[in-house]
Amino acid sequence: MRYGPEQRKTTRRRILAAAARKFREGGFAGAGVDAVMAEAGLTAGGFYAHFESKEALLAEALAAGPGHPGERLAAGLDGTAGAPFLREVVRRYLSRSHRDDVAGGCALPALAAEVARQGPEARAAFEGYLRRFVERLAPRVPGGPGLPPAERVLATAALAAGGIMLARAVADPGLSDRILRACRRLAVPELAEEAGQPRGSAGEMTP
């Protein structure tokens, strides 16, 4: 049976949404084509009618997955910039809700370690995802000591993604929360200093 253009587009979107979830949950290698298509409610045989390879699927899934994190992190903050903007972005990213939502969360902590061992197509797709993250946030983030805004976003992304990875990996919930808090403090130290408060005092962000 042949499907019309609109049906093909709808099916393609279903596969991309399923891939975005499965790649984050099971990793790029762990989430096979069969699993992705089953998640989308489709048979595996139809995969290659939409995508040339699993790597091509990853590239599109990273671009069209559940909202780019740079956009979601900045949602509702249109009148905010500088350190207050960065504080809220970091609070949202290094949160319990993000830690616990592996399938719907950012691809950086979910896929970074594994994509580093993949081929150039998968790595290029991941790099594009990271670049969009920086481009979306850098115009509203202040620089740091010796760091222009874009470099600070890169450093913060590395700290935040690593924090989420560790917070998800440990068994002790208390230690997991401590990792999130510690990373938040380190990422935005100037607000506590401007208020004359020691880091981790009354003004600290909660998970």
Protein backbone atom coordinates (compact mmCIF):
# COMPACT_ATOMS: atom_id res chain seq x y z
CA MET A 1 0.00 0.00 0.00
CA ARG A 2 1.31 3.44 -0.91
CA TYR A 3 0.86 6.31 1.48
CA GLY A 4 0.39 9.95 0.57
CA PRO A 5 2.89 12.69 1.45
CA GLU A 6 1.05 13.74 4.62
CA GLN A 7 0.88 10.17 5.92
CA ARG A 8 4.60 9.74 5.25
CA LYS A 9 5.35 12.95 7.16
CA THR A 10 3.23 11.81 10.09
CA THR A 11 4.94 8.43 10.16
CA ARG A 12 8.36 10.02 9.95
CA ARG A 13 7.57 12.29 12.91
CA ARG A 14 6.45 9.26 14.93
CA ILE A 15 9.73 7.49 14.22
CA LEU A 16 11.77 10.56 15.15
CA ALA A 17 9.91 11.04 18.42
CA ALA A 18 10.33 7.35 19.26
CA ALA A 19 14.04 7.47 18.40
CA ALA A 20 14.59 10.54 20.58
CA ARG A 21 13.11 8.66 23.55
CA LYS A 22 14.76 5.29 22.91
CA PHE A 23 18.24 6.70 22.23
CA ARG A 24 18.13 8.60 25.52
CA GLU A 25 16.79 5.63 27.47
CA GLY A 26 18.88 2.83 26.02
CA GLY A 27 21.78 4.57 24.32
CA PHE A 28 22.55 4.73 20.62
CA ALA A 29 23.92 1.20 20.42
CA GLY A 30 21.38 -0.26 22.83
CA ALA A 31 18.33 1.10 21.02
CA GLY A 32 18.15 -0.87 17.80
CA VAL A 33 16.02 -0.15 14.78
CA ASP A 34 13.52 -2.83 15.84
CA ALA A 35 13.07 -1.21 19.26
CA VAL A 36 12.65 2.27 17.78
CA MET A 37 10.05 1.12 15.28
CA ALA A 38 8.18 -0.85 17.95
CA GLU A 39 8.13 2.28 20.13
CA ALA A 40 6.59 4.13 17.19
CA GLY A 41 4.01 1.37 16.75
CA LEU A 42 5.43 0.33 13.37
CA THR A 43 7.15 -2.70 11.86
CA ALA A 44 10.90 -2.70 11.45
CA GLY A 45 10.62 -3.40 7.73
CA GLY A 46 9.44 0.12 7.02
CA PHE A 47 12.45 1.85 8.53
CA TYR A 48 14.53 2.21 5.37
CA ALA A 49 11.67 3.79 3.50
CA HIS A 50 12.26 6.82 5.73
CA PHE A 51 15.95 6.79 6.74
CA GLU A 52 19.16 5.63 5.06
CA SER A 53 20.79 4.47 8.28
CA LYS A 54 20.56 4.48 12.03
CA GLU A 55 23.14 7.29 12.09
CA ALA A 56 20.92 9.37 9.81
CA LEU A 57 18.04 8.73 12.20
CA LEU A 58 20.17 9.94 15.13
CA ALA A 59 21.04 13.15 13.27
CA GLU A 60 17.40 13.98 12.63
CA ALA A 61 16.22 12.81 16.05
CA LEU A 62 18.65 15.17 17.76
CA ALA A 63 17.38 18.04 15.63
CA ALA A 64 13.68 17.21 15.87
CA GLY A 65 13.40 15.46 19.22
CA PRO A 66 11.36 16.63 22.23
CA GLY A 67 12.20 20.33 21.91
CA HIS A 68 15.82 21.45 21.92
CA PRO A 69 16.96 21.91 25.54
CA GLY A 70 18.28 25.40 24.84
CA GLU A 71 14.75 26.47 23.94
CA ARG A 72 13.07 24.65 26.81
CA LEU A 73 15.54 26.00 29.37
CA ALA A 74 14.92 29.57 28.24
CA ALA A 75 11.11 29.26 28.07
CA GLY A 76 9.34 32.04 29.96
CA LEU A 77 12.56 33.99 30.59
CA ASP A 78 12.15 36.56 27.81
CA GLY A 79 12.83 39.54 30.11
CA THR A 80 15.76 37.96 31.90
CA ALA A 81 19.47 38.08 31.06
CA GLY A 82 22.86 37.97 32.72
CA ALA A 83 23.51 36.04 35.92
CA PRO A 84 19.79 35.73 36.87
CA PHE A 85 19.12 34.08 33.49
CA LEU A 86 22.01 31.68 33.90
CA ARG A 87 20.93 30.88 37.45
CA GLU A 88 17.45 29.85 36.32
CA VAL A 89 18.75 27.86 33.35
CA VAL A 90 21.16 25.99 35.61
CA ARG A 91 18.45 25.44 38.23
CA ARG A 92 16.17 23.90 35.60
CA TYR A 93 18.89 21.74 34.08
CA LEU A 94 20.45 20.48 37.31
CA SER A 95 17.12 19.51 38.85
CA ARG A 96 15.62 16.30 40.16
CA SER A 97 12.96 16.40 37.46
CA HIS A 98 15.58 16.48 34.68
CA ARG A 99 17.68 13.84 36.40
CA ASP A 100 14.67 11.51 36.58
CA ASP A 101 13.36 12.15 33.05
CA VAL A 102 15.96 10.29 31.01
CA ALA A 103 13.75 9.73 27.97
CA GLY A 104 12.57 13.33 27.75
CA GLY A 105 15.72 15.07 28.91
CA CYS A 106 18.76 16.56 27.24
CA ALA A 107 20.77 14.33 24.92
CA LEU A 108 24.13 15.60 26.21
CA PRO A 109 24.30 13.49 29.40
CA ALA A 110 22.33 10.63 27.85
CA LEU A 111 24.52 10.11 24.78
CA ALA A 112 27.88 11.91 25.14
CA ALA A 113 29.98 8.99 26.39
CA GLU A 114 28.60 6.58 23.82
CA VAL A 115 28.60 8.90 20.79
CA ALA A 116 32.30 9.56 21.39
CA ARG A 117 32.89 5.93 20.32
CA GLN A 118 30.68 6.12 17.21
CA GLY A 119 31.49 7.08 13.65
CA PRO A 120 31.80 10.58 12.18
CA GLU A 121 28.12 10.89 11.20
CA ALA A 122 26.85 10.27 14.72
CA ARG A 123 29.50 12.53 16.23
CA ALA A 124 28.72 15.32 13.77
CA ALA A 125 25.02 15.09 14.67
CA PHE A 126 25.85 15.31 18.37
CA GLU A 127 28.18 18.24 17.74
CA GLY A 128 25.40 20.08 15.92
CA TYR A 129 23.13 19.53 18.93
CA LEU A 130 25.76 21.00 21.26
CA ARG A 131 26.41 23.97 18.98
CA ARG A 132 22.68 24.81 18.92
CA PHE A 133 22.66 24.63 22.70
CA VAL A 134 25.45 27.21 22.88
CA GLU A 135 24.00 29.46 20.17
CA ARG A 136 20.61 29.56 21.91
CA LEU A 137 21.94 30.53 25.34
CA ALA A 138 25.18 32.49 24.78
CA PRO A 139 23.58 35.85 23.84
CA ARG A 140 21.98 36.08 27.28
CA VAL A 141 24.72 34.60 29.47
CA PRO A 142 27.41 36.77 31.09
CA GLY A 143 31.06 36.01 30.58
CA GLY A 144 33.20 34.73 33.40
CA PRO A 145 36.80 35.30 34.48
CA GLY A 146 38.75 34.84 31.25
CA LEU A 147 35.66 33.39 29.52
CA PRO A 148 33.51 35.06 26.87
CA PRO A 149 29.80 34.13 27.02
CA ALA A 150 29.95 31.32 24.45
CA GLU A 151 32.90 29.71 26.25
CA ARG A 152 31.09 29.99 29.57
CA VAL A 153 28.05 28.23 28.09
CA LEU A 154 30.32 25.44 26.83
CA ALA A 155 31.92 25.08 30.26
CA THR A 156 28.55 25.21 32.01
CA ALA A 157 27.12 22.62 29.60
CA ALA A 158 30.03 20.29 30.36
CA LEU A 159 29.60 20.78 34.11
CA ALA A 160 25.82 20.39 33.99
CA ALA A 161 25.80 17.36 31.70
CA GLY A 162 28.47 15.68 33.81
CA GLY A 163 26.52 16.49 36.95
CA ILE A 164 23.37 14.89 35.55
CA MET A 165 25.34 11.82 34.44
CA LEU A 166 26.80 11.32 37.93
CA ALA A 167 23.52 12.10 39.70
CA ARG A 168 21.81 9.42 37.61
CA ALA A 169 24.58 6.89 38.12
CA VAL A 170 24.85 6.78 41.92
CA ALA A 171 22.56 4.62 44.07
CA ASP A 172 22.29 6.94 47.10
CA PRO A 173 19.51 9.56 46.56
CA GLY A 174 21.16 11.89 49.06
CA LEU A 175 24.46 11.79 47.22
CA SER A 176 22.62 12.33 43.92
CA ASP A 177 21.03 15.50 45.32
CA ARG A 178 24.39 16.68 46.66
CA ILE A 179 25.91 16.35 43.18
CA LEU A 180 23.14 18.50 41.70
CA ARG A 181 23.54 21.17 44.40
CA ALA A 182 27.32 21.25 44.13
CA CYS A 183 27.23 21.69 40.36
CA ARG A 184 24.66 24.47 40.64
CA ARG A 185 26.80 26.36 43.15
CA LEU A 186 29.89 26.08 41.00
CA ALA A 187 28.12 27.11 37.79
CA VAL A 188 26.71 30.41 39.12
CA PRO A 189 28.85 31.58 42.05
CA GLU A 190 28.45 35.34 41.49
CA LEU A 191 24.84 35.62 42.67
CA ALA A 192 25.62 34.38 46.16
CA GLU A 193 28.68 36.62 46.27
CA GLU A 194 26.71 39.69 45.12
CA ALA A 195 24.17 39.10 47.88
CA GLY A 196 26.93 38.77 50.46
CA GLN A 197 25.94 35.19 51.19
CA PRO A 198 28.22 32.19 51.48
CA ARG A 199 27.57 29.61 48.82
CA GLY A 200 24.90 27.16 49.90
CA SER A 201 23.16 29.57 52.32
CA ALA A 202 19.51 30.70 52.30
CA GLY A 203 19.54 31.81 48.69
CA GLU A 204 20.59 28.44 47.32
CA MET A 205 18.57 26.75 44.61
CA THR A 206 16.76 23.56 45.55
CA PRO A 207 16.48 20.48 43.32
